[in-house]
């Protein structure tokens, strides 16, 4: 896997983790642009 991709996914995961942990448990909070994001993880990478 491309190291730059790996770094990007790690940043993304950290961001999501922080977002989830910093919200009240009863209110899942998503980034404002979540709905209009393109899927960032191509399925074939899971199978690689």
N, C-alpha and C. Protein backbone atom coordinates (compact mmCIF):
# COMPACT_ATOMS: atom_id res chain seq x y z
N UNK A 1 0.84 -1.20 0.00
CA UNK A 1 0.00 0.00 0.00
C UNK A 1 0.88 1.25 0.00
N UNK A 2 0.43 2.25 -0.72
CA UNK A 2 1.16 3.52 -0.79
C UNK A 2 1.26 4.16 0.60
N UNK A 3 2.46 4.46 1.05
CA UNK A 3 2.65 5.06 2.39
C UNK A 3 1.84 6.33 2.58
N UNK A 4 1.68 7.10 1.51
CA UNK A 4 0.90 8.34 1.63
C UNK A 4 -0.56 8.04 1.89
N UNK A 5 -1.06 7.00 1.24
CA UNK A 5 -2.44 6.58 1.48
C UNK A 5 -2.61 6.13 2.92
N UNK A 6 -1.65 5.35 3.38
CA UNK A 6 -1.69 4.85 4.74
C UNK A 6 -1.75 6.01 5.73
N UNK A 7 -0.90 7.00 5.50
CA UNK A 7 -0.87 8.17 6.37
C UNK A 7 -2.21 8.89 6.34
N UNK A 8 -2.79 9.01 5.15
CA UNK A 8 -4.08 9.67 5.00
C UNK A 8 -5.16 8.94 5.79
N UNK A 9 -5.20 7.62 5.66
CA UNK A 9 -6.22 6.85 6.37
C UNK A 9 -6.02 6.93 7.88
N UNK A 10 -4.76 6.94 8.32
CA UNK A 10 -4.49 7.07 9.75
C UNK A 10 -5.00 8.40 10.29
N UNK A 11 -4.75 9.47 9.53
CA UNK A 11 -5.25 10.79 9.94
C UNK A 11 -6.76 10.78 9.99
N UNK A 12 -7.37 10.20 8.98
CA UNK A 12 -8.82 10.14 8.89
C UNK A 12 -9.40 9.39 10.09
N UNK A 13 -8.79 8.25 10.43
CA UNK A 13 -9.26 7.46 11.55
C UNK A 13 -9.11 8.21 12.87
N UNK A 14 -7.98 8.87 13.06
CA UNK A 14 -7.77 9.64 14.28
C UNK A 14 -8.83 10.73 14.40
N UNK A 15 -9.09 11.39 13.28
CA UNK A 15 -10.08 12.46 13.26
C UNK A 15 -11.45 11.93 13.65
N UNK A 16 -11.83 10.80 13.06
CA UNK A 16 -13.13 10.22 13.37
C UNK A 16 -13.20 9.79 14.82
N UNK A 17 -12.12 9.19 15.32
CA UNK A 17 -12.10 8.73 16.70
C UNK A 17 -12.28 9.91 17.65
N UNK A 18 -11.54 10.99 17.39
CA UNK A 18 -11.66 12.17 18.24
C UNK A 18 -13.06 12.75 18.17
N UNK A 19 -13.61 12.78 16.97
CA UNK A 19 -14.95 13.33 16.78
C UNK A 19 -15.97 12.54 17.59
N UNK A 20 -15.85 11.22 17.53
CA UNK A 20 -16.79 10.36 18.25
C UNK A 20 -16.60 10.48 19.76
N UNK A 21 -15.34 10.46 20.20
CA UNK A 21 -15.08 10.49 21.64
C UNK A 21 -15.44 11.83 22.27
N UNK A 22 -15.40 12.90 21.49
CA UNK A 22 -15.65 14.21 22.06
C UNK A 22 -17.15 14.55 22.06
N UNK A 23 -17.98 13.68 21.49
CA UNK A 23 -19.41 13.97 21.50
C UNK A 23 -20.08 13.21 22.64
N UNK A 24 -21.22 13.73 23.09
CA UNK A 24 -21.99 12.98 24.08
C UNK A 24 -22.37 11.63 23.48
N UNK A 25 -22.32 10.56 24.26
CA UNK A 25 -22.56 9.21 23.76
C UNK A 25 -23.90 9.08 23.05
N UNK A 26 -24.89 9.86 23.48
CA UNK A 26 -26.23 9.70 22.93
C UNK A 26 -26.37 10.41 21.58
N UNK A 27 -25.41 11.27 21.26
CA UNK A 27 -25.52 12.02 20.01
C UNK A 27 -24.31 11.77 19.13
N UNK A 28 -24.41 10.80 18.22
CA UNK A 28 -23.29 10.57 17.31
C UNK A 28 -23.10 11.80 16.44
N UNK A 29 -21.88 12.30 16.38
CA UNK A 29 -21.62 13.54 15.65
C UNK A 29 -20.75 13.24 14.43
N UNK A 30 -21.20 13.68 13.29
CA UNK A 30 -20.43 13.47 12.07
C UNK A 30 -19.92 14.81 11.56
N UNK A 31 -18.80 14.78 10.86
CA UNK A 31 -18.30 16.03 10.26
C UNK A 31 -19.38 16.62 9.35
N UNK A 32 -19.44 17.94 9.23
CA UNK A 32 -20.48 18.61 8.45
C UNK A 32 -20.54 18.12 7.00
N UNK A 33 -19.38 17.78 6.44
CA UNK A 33 -19.36 17.41 5.03
C UNK A 33 -19.50 15.90 4.82
N UNK A 34 -19.85 15.18 5.87
CA UNK A 34 -19.90 13.73 5.80
C UNK A 34 -20.81 13.24 4.67
N UNK A 35 -21.99 13.86 4.56
CA UNK A 35 -22.98 13.38 3.61
C UNK A 35 -22.55 13.52 2.17
N UNK A 36 -21.73 14.52 1.88
CA UNK A 36 -21.39 14.75 0.48
C UNK A 36 -20.00 14.23 0.14
N UNK A 37 -19.41 13.47 1.05
CA UNK A 37 -18.09 12.90 0.77
C UNK A 37 -18.20 11.74 -0.20
N UNK A 38 -17.18 11.62 -1.04
CA UNK A 38 -17.06 10.41 -1.84
C UNK A 38 -16.54 9.31 -0.92
N UNK A 39 -16.89 8.06 -1.18
CA UNK A 39 -16.28 6.97 -0.40
C UNK A 39 -14.77 7.02 -0.59
N UNK A 40 -14.01 6.98 0.50
CA UNK A 40 -12.57 7.18 0.38
C UNK A 40 -11.79 5.88 0.33
N UNK A 41 -12.46 4.76 0.58
CA UNK A 41 -11.72 3.51 0.61
C UNK A 41 -12.21 2.56 -0.48
N UNK A 42 -11.43 2.43 -1.55
CA UNK A 42 -11.82 1.51 -2.62
C UNK A 42 -11.90 0.08 -2.08
N UNK A 43 -12.94 -0.63 -2.49
CA UNK A 43 -13.16 -1.97 -1.95
C UNK A 43 -12.01 -2.91 -2.25
N UNK A 44 -11.38 -2.74 -3.41
CA UNK A 44 -10.33 -3.68 -3.78
C UNK A 44 -9.14 -3.61 -2.85
N UNK A 45 -8.99 -2.50 -2.10
CA UNK A 45 -7.87 -2.40 -1.18
C UNK A 45 -8.05 -3.36 0.00
N UNK A 46 -9.31 -3.63 0.35
CA UNK A 46 -9.57 -4.59 1.42
C UNK A 46 -9.12 -5.99 1.00
N UNK A 47 -9.27 -6.27 -0.30
CA UNK A 47 -8.97 -7.62 -0.78
C UNK A 47 -7.52 -7.79 -1.19
N UNK A 48 -6.77 -6.70 -1.19
CA UNK A 48 -5.38 -6.77 -1.66
C UNK A 48 -4.54 -7.64 -0.73
